[in-house]
Amino acid sequence: FIARAKIDRKTLEIWIEEEWLVPQ
């Protein structure tokens, strides 16, 4: 997902924490 979305791990973690993304 990080590779396809072209975001870094830290950004992903922040977006998950903010609940902008909610992974299964």
mmCIF file of all heavy atoms, coordinates in Angstrom:
data_MODEL
# 
_entry.id   MODEL 
# 
loop_
_atom_site.group_PDB 
_atom_site.id 
_atom_site.type_symbol 
_atom_site.label_atom_id 
_atom_site.label_alt_id 
_atom_site.label_comp_id 
_atom_site.label_asym_id 
_atom_site.label_entity_id 
_atom_site.label_seq_id 
_atom_site.pdbx_PDB_ins_code 
_atom_site.Cartn_x 
_atom_site.Cartn_y 
_atom_site.Cartn_z 
_atom_site.occupancy 
_atom_site.B_iso_or_equiv 
_atom_site.pdbx_formal_charge 
_atom_site.auth_seq_id 
_atom_site.auth_comp_id 
_atom_site.auth_asym_id 
_atom_site.auth_atom_id 
_atom_site.pdbx_PDB_model_num 
ATOM 1   N N   . PHE A 1 1  ? 0.827   -1.202 0.000  1.00 0.00 ? 1  PHE A N   1 
ATOM 2   C CA  . PHE A 1 1  ? 0.000   0.000  0.000  1.00 0.00 ? 1  PHE A CA  1 
ATOM 3   C C   . PHE A 1 1  ? 0.861   1.252  0.000  1.00 0.00 ? 1  PHE A C   1 
ATOM 4   O O   . PHE A 1 1  ? 0.589   2.200  -0.753 1.00 0.00 ? 1  PHE A O   1 
ATOM 5   C CB  . PHE A 1 1  ? -0.947  -0.005 1.197  1.00 0.00 ? 1  PHE A CB  1 
ATOM 6   C CG  . PHE A 1 1  ? -1.911  1.145  1.195  1.00 0.00 ? 1  PHE A CG  1 
ATOM 7   C CD1 . PHE A 1 1  ? -2.994  1.150  0.336  1.00 0.00 ? 1  PHE A CD1 1 
ATOM 8   C CD2 . PHE A 1 1  ? -1.724  2.226  2.040  1.00 0.00 ? 1  PHE A CD2 1 
ATOM 9   C CE1 . PHE A 1 1  ? -3.887  2.216  0.319  1.00 0.00 ? 1  PHE A CE1 1 
ATOM 10  C CE2 . PHE A 1 1  ? -2.605  3.293  2.031  1.00 0.00 ? 1  PHE A CE2 1 
ATOM 11  C CZ  . PHE A 1 1  ? -3.693  3.283  1.166  1.00 0.00 ? 1  PHE A CZ  1 
ATOM 12  N N   . ILE A 1 2  ? 1.886   1.272  0.826  1.00 0.00 ? 2  ILE A N   1 
ATOM 13  C CA  . ILE A 1 2  ? 2.782   2.432  0.884  1.00 0.00 ? 2  ILE A CA  1 
ATOM 14  C C   . ILE A 1 2  ? 3.395   2.694  -0.487 1.00 0.00 ? 2  ILE A C   1 
ATOM 15  O O   . ILE A 1 2  ? 3.454   3.842  -0.947 1.00 0.00 ? 2  ILE A O   1 
ATOM 16  C CB  . ILE A 1 2  ? 3.863   2.224  1.966  1.00 0.00 ? 2  ILE A CB  1 
ATOM 17  C CG1 . ILE A 1 2  ? 3.232   2.352  3.351  1.00 0.00 ? 2  ILE A CG1 1 
ATOM 18  C CG2 . ILE A 1 2  ? 5.018   3.199  1.794  1.00 0.00 ? 2  ILE A CG2 1 
ATOM 19  C CD1 . ILE A 1 2  ? 4.123   1.920  4.499  1.00 0.00 ? 2  ILE A CD1 1 
ATOM 20  N N   . ALA A 1 3  ? 3.807   1.630  -1.153 1.00 0.00 ? 3  ALA A N   1 
ATOM 21  C CA  . ALA A 1 3  ? 4.406   1.785  -2.481 1.00 0.00 ? 3  ALA A CA  1 
ATOM 22  C C   . ALA A 1 3  ? 3.377   2.278  -3.497 1.00 0.00 ? 3  ALA A C   1 
ATOM 23  O O   . ALA A 1 3  ? 3.654   3.205  -4.270 1.00 0.00 ? 3  ALA A O   1 
ATOM 24  C CB  . ALA A 1 3  ? 5.012   0.458  -2.936 1.00 0.00 ? 3  ALA A CB  1 
ATOM 25  N N   . ARG A 1 4  ? 2.200   1.681  -3.499 1.00 0.00 ? 4  ARG A N   1 
ATOM 26  C CA  . ARG A 1 4  ? 1.165   2.071  -4.468 1.00 0.00 ? 4  ARG A CA  1 
ATOM 27  C C   . ARG A 1 4  ? 0.642   3.481  -4.205 1.00 0.00 ? 4  ARG A C   1 
ATOM 28  O O   . ARG A 1 4  ? 0.351   4.220  -5.144 1.00 0.00 ? 4  ARG A O   1 
ATOM 29  C CB  . ARG A 1 4  ? 0.010   1.093  -4.446 1.00 0.00 ? 4  ARG A CB  1 
ATOM 30  C CG  . ARG A 1 4  ? 0.333   -0.220 -5.112 1.00 0.00 ? 4  ARG A CG  1 
ATOM 31  C CD  . ARG A 1 4  ? -0.877  -1.143 -5.039 1.00 0.00 ? 4  ARG A CD  1 
ATOM 32  N NE  . ARG A 1 4  ? -0.648  -2.349 -5.759 1.00 0.00 ? 4  ARG A NE  1 
ATOM 33  C CZ  . ARG A 1 4  ? -1.057  -2.565 -7.009 1.00 0.00 ? 4  ARG A CZ  1 
ATOM 34  N NH1 . ARG A 1 4  ? -1.734  -1.650 -7.644 1.00 0.00 ? 4  ARG A NH1 1 
ATOM 35  N NH2 . ARG A 1 4  ? -0.798  -3.703 -7.597 1.00 0.00 ? 4  ARG A NH2 1 
ATOM 36  N N   . ALA A 1 5  ? 0.495   3.828  -2.941 1.00 0.00 ? 5  ALA A N   1 
ATOM 37  C CA  . ALA A 1 5  ? -0.047  5.139  -2.582 1.00 0.00 ? 5  ALA A CA  1 
ATOM 38  C C   . ALA A 1 5  ? 1.005   6.243  -2.687 1.00 0.00 ? 5  ALA A C   1 
ATOM 39  O O   . ALA A 1 5  ? 0.677   7.424  -2.655 1.00 0.00 ? 5  ALA A O   1 
ATOM 40  C CB  . ALA A 1 5  ? -0.610  5.098  -1.167 1.00 0.00 ? 5  ALA A CB  1 
ATOM 41  N N   . LYS A 1 6  ? 2.273   5.838  -2.783 1.00 0.00 ? 6  LYS A N   1 
ATOM 42  C CA  . LYS A 1 6  ? 3.387   6.785  -2.861 1.00 0.00 ? 6  LYS A CA  1 
ATOM 43  C C   . LYS A 1 6  ? 3.407   7.724  -1.659 1.00 0.00 ? 6  LYS A C   1 
ATOM 44  O O   . LYS A 1 6  ? 3.497   8.947  -1.793 1.00 0.00 ? 6  LYS A O   1 
ATOM 45  C CB  . LYS A 1 6  ? 3.342   7.550  -4.171 1.00 0.00 ? 6  LYS A CB  1 
ATOM 46  C CG  . LYS A 1 6  ? 3.492   6.641  -5.364 1.00 0.00 ? 6  LYS A CG  1 
ATOM 47  C CD  . LYS A 1 6  ? 3.397   7.391  -6.653 1.00 0.00 ? 6  LYS A CD  1 
ATOM 48  C CE  . LYS A 1 6  ? 3.527   6.373  -7.776 1.00 0.00 ? 6  LYS A CE  1 
ATOM 49  N NZ  . LYS A 1 6  ? 2.882   6.776  -8.981 1.00 0.00 ? 6  LYS A NZ  1 
ATOM 50  N N   . ILE A 1 7  ? 3.267   7.101  -0.481 1.00 0.00 ? 7  ILE A N   1 
ATOM 51  C CA  . ILE A 1 7  ? 3.390   7.841  0.775  1.00 0.00 ? 7  ILE A CA  1 
ATOM 52  C C   . ILE A 1 7  ? 4.427   7.136  1.631  1.00 0.00 ? 7  ILE A C   1 
ATOM 53  O O   . ILE A 1 7  ? 4.774   5.983  1.373  1.00 0.00 ? 7  ILE A O   1 
ATOM 54  C CB  . ILE A 1 7  ? 2.047   7.938  1.541  1.00 0.00 ? 7  ILE A CB  1 
ATOM 55  C CG1 . ILE A 1 7  ? 1.479   6.548  1.842  1.00 0.00 ? 7  ILE A CG1 1 
ATOM 56  C CG2 . ILE A 1 7  ? 1.045   8.777  0.769  1.00 0.00 ? 7  ILE A CG2 1 
ATOM 57  C CD1 . ILE A 1 7  ? 0.216   6.555  2.688  1.00 0.00 ? 7  ILE A CD1 1 
ATOM 58  N N   . ASP A 1 8  ? 4.927   7.825  2.633  1.00 0.00 ? 8  ASP A N   1 
ATOM 59  C CA  . ASP A 1 8  ? 5.895   7.175  3.517  1.00 0.00 ? 8  ASP A CA  1 
ATOM 60  C C   . ASP A 1 8  ? 5.174   6.554  4.715  1.00 0.00 ? 8  ASP A C   1 
ATOM 61  O O   . ASP A 1 8  ? 4.000   6.828  4.964  1.00 0.00 ? 8  ASP A O   1 
ATOM 62  C CB  . ASP A 1 8  ? 6.993   8.140  3.956  1.00 0.00 ? 8  ASP A CB  1 
ATOM 63  C CG  . ASP A 1 8  ? 6.468   9.366  4.681  1.00 0.00 ? 8  ASP A CG  1 
ATOM 64  O OD1 . ASP A 1 8  ? 5.646   9.207  5.613  1.00 0.00 ? 8  ASP A OD1 1 
ATOM 65  O OD2 . ASP A 1 8  ? 6.859   10.482 4.315  1.00 0.00 ? 8  ASP A OD2 1 
ATOM 66  N N   . ARG A 1 9  ? 5.888   5.714  5.426  1.00 0.00 ? 9  ARG A N   1 
ATOM 67  C CA  . ARG A 1 9  ? 5.318   4.984  6.564  1.00 0.00 ? 9  ARG A CA  1 
ATOM 68  C C   . ARG A 1 9  ? 4.790   5.934  7.636  1.00 0.00 ? 9  ARG A C   1 
ATOM 69  O O   . ARG A 1 9  ? 3.716   5.709  8.181  1.00 0.00 ? 9  ARG A O   1 
ATOM 70  C CB  . ARG A 1 9  ? 6.375   4.048  7.160  1.00 0.00 ? 9  ARG A CB  1 
ATOM 71  C CG  . ARG A 1 9  ? 5.865   3.221  8.314  1.00 0.00 ? 9  ARG A CG  1 
ATOM 72  C CD  . ARG A 1 9  ? 6.912   2.237  8.807  1.00 0.00 ? 9  ARG A CD  1 
ATOM 73  N NE  . ARG A 1 9  ? 7.120   1.143  7.892  1.00 0.00 ? 9  ARG A NE  1 
ATOM 74  C CZ  . ARG A 1 9  ? 6.373   0.044  7.856  1.00 0.00 ? 9  ARG A CZ  1 
ATOM 75  N NH1 . ARG A 1 9  ? 5.371   -0.090 8.696  1.00 0.00 ? 9  ARG A NH1 1 
ATOM 76  N NH2 . ARG A 1 9  ? 6.614   -0.904 6.998  1.00 0.00 ? 9  ARG A NH2 1 
ATOM 77  N N   . LYS A 1 10 ? 5.531   7.011  7.902  1.00 0.00 ? 10 LYS A N   1 
ATOM 78  C CA  . LYS A 1 10 ? 5.102   7.955  8.941  1.00 0.00 ? 10 LYS A CA  1 
ATOM 79  C C   . LYS A 1 10 ? 3.769   8.609  8.559  1.00 0.00 ? 10 LYS A C   1 
ATOM 80  O O   . LYS A 1 10 ? 2.876   8.752  9.397  1.00 0.00 ? 10 LYS A O   1 
ATOM 81  C CB  . LYS A 1 10 ? 6.174   9.012  9.181  1.00 0.00 ? 10 LYS A CB  1 
ATOM 82  C CG  . LYS A 1 10 ? 5.814   9.974  10.276 1.00 0.00 ? 10 LYS A CG  1 
ATOM 83  C CD  . LYS A 1 10 ? 6.917   10.942 10.584 1.00 0.00 ? 10 LYS A CD  1 
ATOM 84  C CE  . LYS A 1 10 ? 6.440   11.852 11.691 1.00 0.00 ? 10 LYS A CE  1 
ATOM 85  N NZ  . LYS A 1 10 ? 7.493   12.663 12.234 1.00 0.00 ? 10 LYS A NZ  1 
ATOM 86  N N   . THR A 1 11 ? 3.639   9.020  7.307  1.00 0.00 ? 11 THR A N   1 
ATOM 87  C CA  . THR A 1 11 ? 2.383   9.619  6.843  1.00 0.00 ? 11 THR A CA  1 
ATOM 88  C C   . THR A 1 11 ? 1.243   8.634  7.008  1.00 0.00 ? 11 THR A C   1 
ATOM 89  O O   . THR A 1 11 ? 0.161   8.987  7.499  1.00 0.00 ? 11 THR A O   1 
ATOM 90  C CB  . THR A 1 11 ? 2.505   10.067 5.374  1.00 0.00 ? 11 THR A CB  1 
ATOM 91  O OG1 . THR A 1 11 ? 3.531   11.062 5.281  1.00 0.00 ? 11 THR A OG1 1 
ATOM 92  C CG2 . THR A 1 11 ? 1.196   10.613 4.843  1.00 0.00 ? 11 THR A CG2 1 
ATOM 93  N N   . LEU A 1 12 ? 1.482   7.377  6.616  1.00 0.00 ? 12 LEU A N   1 
ATOM 94  C CA  . LEU A 1 12 ? 0.449   6.362  6.761  1.00 0.00 ? 12 LEU A CA  1 
ATOM 95  C C   . LEU A 1 12 ? 0.036   6.215  8.217  1.00 0.00 ? 12 LEU A C   1 
ATOM 96  O O   . LEU A 1 12 ? -1.159  6.169  8.529  1.00 0.00 ? 12 LEU A O   1 
ATOM 97  C CB  . LEU A 1 12 ? 0.935   5.015  6.211  1.00 0.00 ? 12 LEU A CB  1 
ATOM 98  C CG  . LEU A 1 12 ? -0.052  3.855  6.357  1.00 0.00 ? 12 LEU A CG  1 
ATOM 99  C CD1 . LEU A 1 12 ? -1.343  4.138  5.600  1.00 0.00 ? 12 LEU A CD1 1 
ATOM 100 C CD2 . LEU A 1 12 ? 0.595   2.561  5.893  1.00 0.00 ? 12 LEU A CD2 1 
ATOM 101 N N   . GLU A 1 13 ? 0.994   6.161  9.111  1.00 0.00 ? 13 GLU A N   1 
ATOM 102 C CA  . GLU A 1 13 ? 0.688   6.010  10.540 1.00 0.00 ? 13 GLU A CA  1 
ATOM 103 C C   . GLU A 1 13 ? -0.142  7.186  11.062 1.00 0.00 ? 13 GLU A C   1 
ATOM 104 O O   . GLU A 1 13 ? -1.094  6.999  11.818 1.00 0.00 ? 13 GLU A O   1 
ATOM 105 C CB  . GLU A 1 13 ? 1.973   5.865  11.361 1.00 0.00 ? 13 GLU A CB  1 
ATOM 106 C CG  . GLU A 1 13 ? 2.774   4.625  11.056 1.00 0.00 ? 13 GLU A CG  1 
ATOM 107 C CD  . GLU A 1 13 ? 1.999   3.336  11.227 1.00 0.00 ? 13 GLU A CD  1 
ATOM 108 O OE1 . GLU A 1 13 ? 1.139   3.246  12.132 1.00 0.00 ? 13 GLU A OE1 1 
ATOM 109 O OE2 . GLU A 1 13 ? 2.248   2.403  10.437 1.00 0.00 ? 13 GLU A OE2 1 
ATOM 110 N N   . ILE A 1 14 ? 0.208   8.383  10.628 1.00 0.00 ? 14 ILE A N   1 
ATOM 111 C CA  . ILE A 1 14 ? -0.545  9.575  11.052 1.00 0.00 ? 14 ILE A CA  1 
ATOM 112 C C   . ILE A 1 14 ? -1.974  9.504  10.527 1.00 0.00 ? 14 ILE A C   1 
ATOM 113 O O   . ILE A 1 14 ? -2.929  9.764  11.262 1.00 0.00 ? 14 ILE A O   1 
ATOM 114 C CB  . ILE A 1 14 ? 0.157   10.866 10.574 1.00 0.00 ? 14 ILE A CB  1 
ATOM 115 C CG1 . ILE A 1 14 ? 1.468   11.060 11.341 1.00 0.00 ? 14 ILE A CG1 1 
ATOM 116 C CG2 . ILE A 1 14 ? -0.763  12.080 10.736 1.00 0.00 ? 14 ILE A CG2 1 
ATOM 117 C CD1 . ILE A 1 14 ? 2.366   12.143 10.757 1.00 0.00 ? 14 ILE A CD1 1 
ATOM 118 N N   . TRP A 1 15 ? -2.134  9.140  9.269  1.00 0.00 ? 15 TRP A N   1 
ATOM 119 C CA  . TRP A 1 15 ? -3.464  9.085  8.675  1.00 0.00 ? 15 TRP A CA  1 
ATOM 120 C C   . TRP A 1 15 ? -4.319  8.000  9.317  1.00 0.00 ? 15 TRP A C   1 
ATOM 121 O O   . TRP A 1 15 ? -5.530  8.168  9.457  1.00 0.00 ? 15 TRP A O   1 
ATOM 122 C CB  . TRP A 1 15 ? -3.373  8.896  7.173  1.00 0.00 ? 15 TRP A CB  1 
ATOM 123 C CG  . TRP A 1 15 ? -2.839  10.118 6.453  1.00 0.00 ? 15 TRP A CG  1 
ATOM 124 C CD1 . TRP A 1 15 ? -2.454  11.305 7.018  1.00 0.00 ? 15 TRP A CD1 1 
ATOM 125 C CD2 . TRP A 1 15 ? -2.634  10.261 5.066  1.00 0.00 ? 15 TRP A CD2 1 
ATOM 126 N NE1 . TRP A 1 15 ? -2.020  12.177 6.053  1.00 0.00 ? 15 TRP A NE1 1 
ATOM 127 C CE2 . TRP A 1 15 ? -2.113  11.566 4.841  1.00 0.00 ? 15 TRP A CE2 1 
ATOM 128 C CE3 . TRP A 1 15 ? -2.817  9.421  3.976  1.00 0.00 ? 15 TRP A CE3 1 
ATOM 129 C CZ2 . TRP A 1 15 ? -1.803  12.046 3.571  1.00 0.00 ? 15 TRP A CZ2 1 
ATOM 130 C CZ3 . TRP A 1 15 ? -2.506  9.896  2.705  1.00 0.00 ? 15 TRP A CZ3 1 
ATOM 131 C CH2 . TRP A 1 15 ? -2.008  11.191 2.511  1.00 0.00 ? 15 TRP A CH2 1 
ATOM 132 N N   . ILE A 1 16 ? -3.686  6.905  9.713  1.00 0.00 ? 16 ILE A N   1 
ATOM 133 C CA  . ILE A 1 16 ? -4.424  5.860  10.432 1.00 0.00 ? 16 ILE A CA  1 
ATOM 134 C C   . ILE A 1 16 ? -4.818  6.361  11.813 1.00 0.00 ? 16 ILE A C   1 
ATOM 135 O O   . ILE A 1 16 ? -5.949  6.176  12.265 1.00 0.00 ? 16 ILE A O   1 
ATOM 136 C CB  . ILE A 1 16 ? -3.605  4.550  10.511 1.00 0.00 ? 16 ILE A CB  1 
ATOM 137 C CG1 . ILE A 1 16 ? -3.488  3.917  9.127  1.00 0.00 ? 16 ILE A CG1 1 
ATOM 138 C CG2 . ILE A 1 16 ? -4.234  3.575  11.507 1.00 0.00 ? 16 ILE A CG2 1 
ATOM 139 C CD1 . ILE A 1 16 ? -2.529  2.752  9.054  1.00 0.00 ? 16 ILE A CD1 1 
ATOM 140 N N   . GLU A 1 17 ? -3.890  7.028  12.483 1.00 0.00 ? 17 GLU A N   1 
ATOM 141 C CA  . GLU A 1 17 ? -4.174  7.582  13.817 1.00 0.00 ? 17 GLU A CA  1 
ATOM 142 C C   . GLU A 1 17 ? -5.310  8.602  13.758 1.00 0.00 ? 17 GLU A C   1 
ATOM 143 O O   . GLU A 1 17 ? -6.171  8.638  14.640 1.00 0.00 ? 17 GLU A O   1 
ATOM 144 C CB  . GLU A 1 17 ? -2.909  8.234  14.384 1.00 0.00 ? 17 GLU A CB  1 
ATOM 145 C CG  . GLU A 1 17 ? -3.062  8.737  15.792 1.00 0.00 ? 17 GLU A CG  1 
ATOM 146 C CD  . GLU A 1 17 ? -1.756  9.313  16.318 1.00 0.00 ? 17 GLU A CD  1 
ATOM 147 O OE1 . GLU A 1 17 ? -0.724  8.638  16.195 1.00 0.00 ? 17 GLU A OE1 1 
ATOM 148 O OE2 . GLU A 1 17 ? -1.787  10.450 16.833 1.00 0.00 ? 17 GLU A OE2 1 
ATOM 149 N N   . GLU A 1 18 ? -5.325  9.398  12.711 1.00 0.00 ? 18 GLU A N   1 
ATOM 150 C CA  . GLU A 1 18 ? -6.389  10.402 12.519 1.00 0.00 ? 18 GLU A CA  1 
ATOM 151 C C   . GLU A 1 18 ? -7.697  9.763  12.058 1.00 0.00 ? 18 GLU A C   1 
ATOM 152 O O   . GLU A 1 18 ? -8.710  10.437 11.957 1.00 0.00 ? 18 GLU A O   1 
ATOM 153 C CB  . GLU A 1 18 ? -5.951  11.454 11.498 1.00 0.00 ? 18 GLU A CB  1 
ATOM 154 C CG  . GLU A 1 18 ? -4.832  12.347 11.958 1.00 0.00 ? 18 GLU A CG  1 
ATOM 155 C CD  . GLU A 1 18 ? -5.254  13.307 13.045 1.00 0.00 ? 18 GLU A CD  1 
ATOM 156 O OE1 . GLU A 1 18 ? -6.434  13.710 13.087 1.00 0.00 ? 18 GLU A OE1 1 
ATOM 157 O OE2 . GLU A 1 18 ? -4.387  13.662 13.858 1.00 0.00 ? 18 GLU A OE2 1 
ATOM 158 N N   . GLU A 1 19 ? -7.637  8.473  11.722 1.00 0.00 ? 19 GLU A N   1 
ATOM 159 C CA  . GLU A 1 19 ? -8.764  7.705  11.191 1.00 0.00 ? 19 GLU A CA  1 
ATOM 160 C C   . GLU A 1 19 ? -9.202  8.185  9.815  1.00 0.00 ? 19 GLU A C   1 
ATOM 161 O O   . GLU A 1 19 ? -10.349 8.032  9.416  1.00 0.00 ? 19 GLU A O   1 
ATOM 162 C CB  . GLU A 1 19 ? -9.931  7.660  12.180 1.00 0.00 ? 19 GLU A CB  1 
ATOM 163 C CG  . GLU A 1 19 ? -9.564  6.955  13.465 1.00 0.00 ? 19 GLU A CG  1 
ATOM 164 C CD  . GLU A 1 19 ? -10.707 6.859  14.460 1.00 0.00 ? 19 GLU A CD  1 
ATOM 165 O OE1 . GLU A 1 19 ? -11.765 7.496  14.245 1.00 0.00 ? 19 GLU A OE1 1 
ATOM 166 O OE2 . GLU A 1 19 ? -10.533 6.138  15.451 1.00 0.00 ? 19 GLU A OE2 1 
ATOM 167 N N   . TRP A 1 20 ? -8.254  8.749  9.074  1.00 0.00 ? 20 TRP A N   1 
ATOM 168 C CA  . TRP A 1 20 ? -8.522  9.095  7.690  1.00 0.00 ? 20 TRP A CA  1 
ATOM 169 C C   . TRP A 1 20 ? -8.493  7.832  6.838  1.00 0.00 ? 20 TRP A C   1 
ATOM 170 O O   . TRP A 1 20 ? -9.160  7.749  5.819  1.00 0.00 ? 20 TRP A O   1 
ATOM 171 C CB  . TRP A 1 20 ? -7.511  10.096 7.164  1.00 0.00 ? 20 TRP A CB  1 
ATOM 172 C CG  . TRP A 1 20 ? -7.552  11.441 7.835  1.00 0.00 ? 20 TRP A CG  1 
ATOM 173 C CD1 . TRP A 1 20 ? -8.425  11.864 8.797  1.00 0.00 ? 20 TRP A CD1 1 
ATOM 174 C CD2 . TRP A 1 20 ? -6.677  12.529 7.605  1.00 0.00 ? 20 TRP A CD2 1 
ATOM 175 N NE1 . TRP A 1 20 ? -8.140  13.149 9.163  1.00 0.00 ? 20 TRP A NE1 1 
ATOM 176 C CE2 . TRP A 1 20 ? -7.069  13.589 8.452  1.00 0.00 ? 20 TRP A CE2 1 
ATOM 177 C CE3 . TRP A 1 20 ? -5.583  12.721 6.767  1.00 0.00 ? 20 TRP A CE3 1 
ATOM 178 C CZ2 . TRP A 1 20 ? -6.422  14.814 8.466  1.00 0.00 ? 20 TRP A CZ2 1 
ATOM 179 C CZ3 . TRP A 1 20 ? -4.930  13.939 6.780  1.00 0.00 ? 20 TRP A CZ3 1 
ATOM 180 C CH2 . TRP A 1 20 ? -5.358  14.977 7.622  1.00 0.00 ? 20 TRP A CH2 1 
ATOM 181 N N   . LEU A 1 21 ? -7.675  6.878  7.266  1.00 0.00 ? 21 LEU A N   1 
ATOM 182 C CA  . LEU A 1 21 ? -7.620  5.546  6.664  1.00 0.00 ? 21 LEU A CA  1 
ATOM 183 C C   . LEU A 1 21 ? -7.869  4.544  7.769  1.00 0.00 ? 21 LEU A C   1 
ATOM 184 O O   . LEU A 1 21 ? -7.315  4.684  8.866  1.00 0.00 ? 21 LEU A O   1 
ATOM 185 C CB  . LEU A 1 21 ? -6.249  5.272  6.042  1.00 0.00 ? 21 LEU A CB  1 
ATOM 186 C CG  . LEU A 1 21 ? -5.880  6.078  4.803  1.00 0.00 ? 21 LEU A CG  1 
ATOM 187 C CD1 . LEU A 1 21 ? -4.420  5.844  4.451  1.00 0.00 ? 21 LEU A CD1 1 
ATOM 188 C CD2 . LEU A 1 21 ? -6.771  5.709  3.631  1.00 0.00 ? 21 LEU A CD2 1 
ATOM 189 N N   . VAL A 1 22 ? -8.700  3.559  7.483  1.00 0.00 ? 22 VAL A N   1 
ATOM 190 C CA  . VAL A 1 22 ? -9.008  2.531  8.482  1.00 0.00 ? 22 VAL A CA  1 
ATOM 191 C C   . VAL A 1 22 ? -8.763  1.168  7.827  1.00 0.00 ? 22 VAL A C   1 
ATOM 192 O O   . VAL A 1 22 ? -9.642  0.634  7.142  1.00 0.00 ? 22 VAL A O   1 
ATOM 193 C CB  . VAL A 1 22 ? -10.458 2.646  8.994  1.00 0.00 ? 22 VAL A CB  1 
ATOM 194 C CG1 . VAL A 1 22 ? -10.737 1.584  10.047 1.00 0.00 ? 22 VAL A CG1 1 
ATOM 195 C CG2 . VAL A 1 22 ? -10.726 4.047  9.545  1.00 0.00 ? 22 VAL A CG2 1 
ATOM 196 N N   . PRO A 1 23 ? -7.553  0.629  8.018  1.00 0.00 ? 23 PRO A N   1 
ATOM 197 C CA  . PRO A 1 23 ? -7.239  -0.646 7.382  1.00 0.00 ? 23 PRO A CA  1 
ATOM 198 C C   . PRO A 1 23 ? -7.995  -1.802 8.021  1.00 0.00 ? 23 PRO A C   1 
ATOM 199 O O   . PRO A 1 23 ? -8.445  -1.715 9.160  1.00 0.00 ? 23 PRO A O   1 
ATOM 200 C CB  . PRO A 1 23 ? -5.733  -0.794 7.616  1.00 0.00 ? 23 PRO A CB  1 
ATOM 201 C CG  . PRO A 1 23 ? -5.468  -0.010 8.854  1.00 0.00 ? 23 PRO A CG  1 
ATOM 202 C CD  . PRO A 1 23 ? -6.445  1.134  8.823  1.00 0.00 ? 23 PRO A CD  1 
ATOM 203 N N   . GLN A 1 24 ? -8.120  -2.873 7.260  1.00 0.00 ? 24 GLN A N   1 
ATOM 204 C CA  . GLN A 1 24 ? -8.682  -4.112 7.791  1.00 0.00 ? 24 GLN A CA  1 
ATOM 205 C C   . GLN A 1 24 ? -7.535  -4.844 8.470  1.00 0.00 ? 24 GLN A C   1 
ATOM 206 O O   . GLN A 1 24 ? -6.450  -4.934 7.928  1.00 0.00 ? 24 GLN A O   1 
ATOM 207 C CB  . GLN A 1 24 ? -9.243  -4.965 6.658  1.00 0.00 ? 24 GLN A CB  1 
ATOM 208 C CG  . GLN A 1 24 ? -10.277 -4.259 5.833  1.00 0.00 ? 24 GLN A CG  1 
ATOM 209 C CD  . GLN A 1 24 ? -10.547 -4.985 4.525  1.00 0.00 ? 24 GLN A CD  1 
ATOM 210 O OE1 . GLN A 1 24 ? -10.004 -6.033 4.250  1.00 0.00 ? 24 GLN A OE1 1 
ATOM 211 N NE2 . GLN A 1 24 ? -11.402 -4.396 3.713  1.00 0.00 ? 24 GLN A NE2 1 
# 
